[in-house]
């Protein structure tokens, strides 16, 4: 599996009675793919998986898998956890539980802070056990575990590890080292929406972006512009999309994204589940204004 382009980590829409709105999820999945997304992520952080029951998580993945199968695009499923044995068991069963899943998006162990050697050993065990390829989600401001360029390259060399969602809050030395020496077939995908453009300029393969719900075609256009060497277009569009990304994260994700999607009539409510709270009207209004401006 080779991952390139923009993948959308889908929100989980809720109906007015609080249930998961599976029909809205199916339509949303189809619409972002119609706008050029290269694939989907189910049960990423944006999908609020910790707030879903096991039955709800199963239903969400079934809907996403069906849409991706019909379109012939990859589906990544958020999976794993800080405990290696439990995560390995989950990943071993994933292919059977979600037929058609192209891979799993697995976060660096959170809170435990096992060090670089422990992180590499953790993913070596997961890669050996997993029934699907792994994309490592590196987000140290959530996990508490930084990784050097050398450690990232060691992870990239593991069999059955096919990529990384890179979200360190900026473009740092480790990113430059990884992009300079990543092995063939290993995808570096930006995970911090506001700094996607500079990562693409350095050679990243694409991104997994919550704000791409709001301007999917424009993010796809940005990735294509950098790939094709259209620097002037890429810079101009990148600045506009950075503004949208900043606005989309003005409240804890995915509150603003859901607010805008609801305002546009694409999901039935803007609701999130505790401990998240809905975004305020000013936050939603600003992101909506910027998203609407990108339509022209």
Protein backbone atom coordinates (compact mmCIF):
# COMPACT_ATOMS: atom_id res chain seq x y z
CA UNK A 1 0.00 0.00 0.00
CA UNK A 2 1.29 3.44 -0.99
CA UNK A 3 -0.50 6.41 0.55
CA UNK A 4 -0.46 9.72 -1.27
CA UNK A 5 -2.70 12.77 -1.35
CA UNK A 6 -5.25 14.01 1.14
CA UNK A 7 -7.04 11.59 3.46
CA UNK A 8 -9.96 12.84 5.54
CA UNK A 9 -10.31 11.61 9.15
CA UNK A 10 -14.08 11.62 9.29
CA UNK A 11 -16.10 13.16 12.08
CA UNK A 12 -18.83 11.04 13.63
CA UNK A 13 -22.13 12.87 13.02
CA UNK A 14 -24.76 12.68 15.75
CA UNK A 15 -28.52 12.87 15.29
CA UNK A 16 -30.78 15.07 17.40
CA UNK A 17 -31.48 12.14 19.75
CA UNK A 18 -27.73 11.65 20.35
CA UNK A 19 -27.35 8.51 18.25
CA UNK A 20 -24.76 8.16 15.49
CA UNK A 21 -26.21 9.45 12.22
CA UNK A 22 -24.93 6.72 9.94
CA UNK A 23 -26.77 8.02 6.88
CA UNK A 24 -25.08 11.40 7.27
CA UNK A 25 -21.72 9.68 7.75
CA UNK A 26 -22.18 7.76 4.51
CA UNK A 27 -23.07 10.92 2.58
CA UNK A 28 -20.18 12.85 4.11
CA UNK A 29 -17.74 10.09 3.23
CA UNK A 30 -18.95 10.04 -0.35
CA UNK A 31 -18.83 13.82 -0.71
CA UNK A 32 -15.20 14.23 0.38
CA UNK A 33 -14.19 11.44 -1.98
CA UNK A 34 -16.15 13.13 -4.78
CA UNK A 35 -14.07 16.24 -4.06
CA UNK A 36 -10.83 14.35 -4.60
CA UNK A 37 -9.81 12.88 -1.24
CA UNK A 38 -7.49 9.93 -1.73
CA UNK A 39 -8.93 7.94 1.17
CA UNK A 40 -10.60 8.05 4.56
CA UNK A 41 -9.73 7.48 8.19
CA UNK A 42 -12.36 5.98 10.48
CA UNK A 43 -12.07 6.31 14.26
CA UNK A 44 -9.26 8.83 14.19
CA UNK A 45 -9.20 11.44 16.95
CA UNK A 46 -11.55 13.60 14.86
CA UNK A 47 -14.12 10.80 14.98
CA UNK A 48 -14.33 10.89 18.83
CA UNK A 49 -13.73 7.13 19.16
CA UNK A 50 -13.27 7.25 22.94
CA UNK A 51 -16.81 8.62 23.25
CA UNK A 52 -18.36 5.86 21.11
CA UNK A 53 -19.61 2.50 22.29
CA UNK A 54 -18.18 -0.68 20.81
CA UNK A 55 -21.32 -1.11 18.70
CA UNK A 56 -21.06 2.47 17.44
CA UNK A 57 -17.41 2.04 16.52
CA UNK A 58 -18.28 -1.12 14.64
CA UNK A 59 -21.08 0.61 12.73
CA UNK A 60 -18.89 3.58 11.82
CA UNK A 61 -16.14 1.37 10.42
CA UNK A 62 -18.66 -0.70 8.45
CA UNK A 63 -20.08 2.39 6.77
CA UNK A 64 -16.65 3.79 5.95
CA UNK A 65 -15.39 0.44 4.67
CA UNK A 66 -18.37 0.08 2.36
CA UNK A 67 -17.91 3.56 0.89
CA UNK A 68 -14.18 3.05 0.38
CA UNK A 69 -14.70 -0.36 -1.21
CA UNK A 70 -17.24 1.07 -3.63
CA UNK A 71 -14.82 3.86 -4.62
CA UNK A 72 -11.66 1.75 -4.64
CA UNK A 73 -9.79 3.97 -2.16
CA UNK A 74 -7.93 3.06 1.03
CA UNK A 75 -9.48 3.11 4.50
CA UNK A 76 -7.31 3.52 7.58
CA UNK A 77 -8.83 2.61 10.94
CA UNK A 78 -7.74 4.18 14.20
CA UNK A 79 -6.57 1.39 16.49
CA UNK A 80 -4.13 0.45 19.23
CA UNK A 81 -3.32 1.97 22.57
CA UNK A 82 -0.52 2.46 25.09
CA UNK A 83 -0.41 -1.22 26.10
CA UNK A 84 1.51 -3.33 23.61
CA UNK A 85 -0.20 -6.68 24.27
CA UNK A 86 -3.74 -5.29 24.03
CA UNK A 87 -2.90 -3.25 20.95
CA UNK A 88 -1.32 -6.26 19.26
CA UNK A 89 -4.42 -8.34 19.94
CA UNK A 90 -6.67 -5.65 18.47
CA UNK A 91 -4.52 -5.26 15.37
CA UNK A 92 -4.30 -9.01 14.81
CA UNK A 93 -8.09 -9.12 14.57
CA UNK A 94 -8.58 -5.91 12.57
CA UNK A 95 -8.62 -7.40 9.07
CA UNK A 96 -11.35 -9.82 10.12
CA UNK A 97 -13.30 -7.18 12.01
CA UNK A 98 -13.14 -4.57 9.23
CA UNK A 99 -12.89 -6.37 5.89
CA UNK A 100 -11.36 -4.06 3.34
CA UNK A 101 -9.34 -2.00 5.81
CA UNK A 102 -6.12 -1.00 4.06
CA UNK A 103 -4.28 -0.21 7.25
CA UNK A 104 -4.40 0.98 10.84
CA UNK A 105 -3.52 4.42 12.17
CA UNK A 106 -1.77 3.75 15.47
CA UNK A 107 -0.68 6.45 17.90
CA UNK A 108 2.70 6.45 19.61
CA UNK A 109 2.01 5.17 23.17
CA UNK A 110 0.48 8.00 25.15
CA UNK A 111 1.21 9.01 28.76
CA UNK A 112 3.58 6.04 29.26
CA UNK A 113 6.55 7.86 27.66
CA UNK A 114 8.51 4.65 26.97
CA UNK A 115 11.47 6.44 25.34
CA UNK A 116 12.63 6.05 21.78
CA UNK A 117 13.87 2.47 22.20
CA UNK A 118 10.63 1.43 23.89
CA UNK A 119 8.57 3.11 21.17
CA UNK A 120 10.46 1.26 18.45
CA UNK A 121 10.10 -2.05 20.31
CA UNK A 122 6.36 -1.37 20.76
CA UNK A 123 5.83 -0.84 17.05
CA UNK A 124 8.03 -3.77 16.10
CA UNK A 125 5.74 -6.03 18.14
CA UNK A 126 2.61 -4.43 16.69
CA UNK A 127 3.88 -4.71 13.11
CA UNK A 128 4.61 -8.40 13.59
CA UNK A 129 1.17 -9.07 15.06
CA UNK A 130 -0.96 -6.84 12.85
CA UNK A 131 -3.18 -8.23 10.13
CA UNK A 132 -2.94 -4.92 8.22
CA UNK A 133 -0.12 -2.44 7.50
CA UNK A 134 0.50 0.27 10.08
CA UNK A 135 0.64 4.06 9.79
CA UNK A 136 2.27 5.52 12.90
CA UNK A 137 0.59 8.60 14.36
CA UNK A 138 3.35 10.78 15.81
CA UNK A 139 1.81 13.59 17.86
CA UNK A 140 4.08 14.32 20.84
CA UNK A 141 2.04 17.18 22.27
CA UNK A 142 -0.70 14.59 22.95
CA UNK A 143 1.43 11.55 23.74
CA UNK A 144 4.31 13.17 25.63
CA UNK A 145 6.83 11.12 23.64
CA UNK A 146 9.15 13.00 21.24
CA UNK A 147 11.08 11.11 18.57
CA UNK A 148 14.31 12.05 16.82
CA UNK A 149 14.88 11.75 13.11
CA UNK A 150 16.96 8.64 13.73
CA UNK A 151 14.15 6.99 15.70
CA UNK A 152 11.61 7.86 13.01
CA UNK A 153 13.83 6.34 10.34
CA UNK A 154 14.20 3.21 12.46
CA UNK A 155 10.40 2.97 12.63
CA UNK A 156 10.13 3.60 8.89
CA UNK A 157 12.38 0.60 8.23
CA UNK A 158 10.13 -1.84 10.12
CA UNK A 159 8.35 -4.42 7.96
CA UNK A 160 4.59 -3.78 7.75
CA UNK A 161 4.99 -0.09 8.70
CA UNK A 162 4.02 1.94 5.62
CA UNK A 163 3.82 5.53 6.80
CA UNK A 164 3.60 8.16 9.48
CA UNK A 165 1.08 10.86 10.27
CA UNK A 166 3.48 13.58 11.33
CA UNK A 167 2.03 16.09 13.78
CA UNK A 168 4.69 17.67 15.96
CA UNK A 169 3.21 21.16 15.83
CA UNK A 170 5.67 22.48 13.26
CA UNK A 171 8.31 21.63 10.69
CA UNK A 172 11.31 20.59 12.74
CA UNK A 173 14.70 19.00 12.27
CA UNK A 174 13.31 15.47 12.70
CA UNK A 175 10.85 16.10 9.86
CA UNK A 176 13.65 17.27 7.59
CA UNK A 177 15.78 14.22 8.46
CA UNK A 178 12.88 11.85 7.88
CA UNK A 179 11.89 13.37 4.53
CA UNK A 180 15.50 13.34 3.37
CA UNK A 181 16.01 9.63 4.00
CA UNK A 182 12.61 7.87 4.17
CA UNK A 183 12.71 4.50 2.41
CA UNK A 184 10.85 3.87 -0.83
CA UNK A 185 7.23 2.98 -0.21
CA UNK A 186 7.07 4.79 3.13
CA UNK A 187 4.63 7.72 3.17
CA UNK A 188 5.08 10.88 5.23
CA UNK A 189 1.65 12.47 5.75
CA UNK A 190 1.21 15.85 7.42
CA UNK A 191 -1.04 15.78 10.45
CA UNK A 192 -0.87 19.41 11.56
CA UNK A 193 -3.26 21.18 9.22
CA UNK A 194 -1.71 24.65 9.59
CA UNK A 195 1.76 23.50 8.53
CA UNK A 196 0.80 21.12 5.75
CA UNK A 197 2.09 23.43 3.01
CA UNK A 198 5.72 23.59 4.21
CA UNK A 199 5.77 19.82 4.76
CA UNK A 200 4.55 19.31 1.19
CA UNK A 201 7.22 21.73 0.00
CA UNK A 202 9.84 19.51 1.66
CA UNK A 203 8.45 16.42 -0.06
CA UNK A 204 5.68 15.00 2.14
CA UNK A 205 3.32 12.66 0.32
CA UNK A 206 0.08 14.25 1.51
CA UNK A 207 -1.84 14.74 4.71
CA UNK A 208 -4.50 13.45 7.08
CA UNK A 209 -6.41 16.61 7.91
CA UNK A 210 -9.56 17.37 9.89
CA UNK A 211 -9.95 20.77 8.21
CA UNK A 212 -10.03 19.02 4.82
CA UNK A 213 -13.71 18.33 5.58
CA UNK A 214 -14.31 22.02 4.90
CA UNK A 215 -12.34 22.52 1.68
CA UNK A 216 -11.46 19.07 0.40
CA UNK A 217 -10.91 20.07 -3.21
CA UNK A 218 -8.65 22.96 -2.23
CA UNK A 219 -6.42 20.78 -0.05
CA UNK A 220 -6.24 18.27 -2.90
CA UNK A 221 -5.30 21.15 -5.22
CA UNK A 222 -2.58 22.27 -2.80
CA UNK A 223 -0.99 18.82 -2.72
CA UNK A 224 -1.13 18.63 -6.51
CA UNK A 225 0.43 22.09 -6.90
CA UNK A 226 3.47 21.16 -4.79
CA UNK A 227 3.75 17.80 -6.54
CA UNK A 228 3.67 19.49 -9.97
CA UNK A 229 6.12 22.23 -9.02
CA UNK A 230 3.60 25.07 -9.32
CA UNK A 231 5.22 27.02 -6.50
CA UNK A 232 3.37 30.30 -7.00
CA UNK A 233 -0.03 28.61 -6.89
CA UNK A 234 0.99 26.38 -3.99
CA UNK A 235 2.19 29.28 -1.84
CA UNK A 236 -0.89 31.41 -2.45
CA UNK A 237 -3.33 28.59 -1.78
CA UNK A 238 -1.28 27.34 1.16
CA UNK A 239 -1.57 30.69 2.93
CA UNK A 240 -5.36 30.68 2.54
CA UNK A 241 -5.69 27.10 3.75
CA UNK A 242 -3.45 27.82 6.73
CA UNK A 243 -5.89 30.53 7.82
CA UNK A 244 -8.76 28.04 7.53
CA UNK A 245 -6.84 25.41 9.48
CA UNK A 246 -6.10 27.84 12.31
CA UNK A 247 -9.78 28.78 12.48
CA UNK A 248 -10.85 25.12 12.41
CA UNK A 249 -8.80 24.47 15.54
CA UNK A 250 -9.92 27.55 17.48
CA UNK A 251 -11.81 25.14 19.76
CA UNK A 252 -10.89 21.54 20.58
CA UNK A 253 -11.19 19.36 17.48
CA UNK A 254 -13.67 18.47 15.98
CA UNK A 255 -16.06 21.07 17.47
CA UNK A 256 -15.48 23.82 14.88
CA UNK A 257 -15.42 21.37 11.96
CA UNK A 258 -18.75 19.93 13.08
CA UNK A 259 -20.19 23.41 13.55
CA UNK A 260 -19.32 24.38 9.99
CA UNK A 261 -20.53 21.09 8.53
CA UNK A 262 -23.84 21.57 10.33
CA UNK A 263 -24.14 25.18 9.17
CA UNK A 264 -23.70 23.94 5.62
CA UNK A 265 -26.39 21.27 6.07
CA UNK A 266 -23.98 18.36 5.72
CA UNK A 267 -24.56 16.81 9.16
CA UNK A 268 -27.76 16.94 11.25
CA UNK A 269 -26.31 18.55 14.40
CA UNK A 270 -23.04 20.20 15.47
CA UNK A 271 -22.99 18.01 18.58
CA UNK A 272 -19.89 16.53 20.17
CA UNK A 273 -19.80 14.25 23.21
CA UNK A 274 -18.34 15.07 26.58
CA UNK A 275 -15.69 15.85 27.59
CA UNK A 276 -15.81 17.99 24.43
CA UNK A 277 -18.15 20.98 24.21
CA UNK A 278 -19.63 22.55 21.06
CA UNK A 279 -17.78 25.44 19.46
CA UNK A 280 -19.16 28.94 19.94
CA UNK A 281 -20.89 30.94 17.18
CA UNK A 282 -17.90 33.25 16.68
CA UNK A 283 -15.53 30.32 16.19
CA UNK A 284 -17.86 28.56 13.79
CA UNK A 285 -18.68 31.79 11.96
CA UNK A 286 -15.04 32.64 11.28
CA UNK A 287 -14.23 29.17 9.94
CA UNK A 288 -17.40 29.19 7.83
CA UNK A 289 -16.47 32.56 6.35
CA UNK A 290 -13.01 31.36 5.38
CA UNK A 291 -14.31 28.07 3.99
CA UNK A 292 -16.92 29.88 1.91
CA UNK A 293 -14.21 32.18 0.57
CA UNK A 294 -12.28 29.20 -0.71
CA UNK A 295 -15.24 28.18 -2.85
CA UNK A 296 -14.53 31.08 -5.21
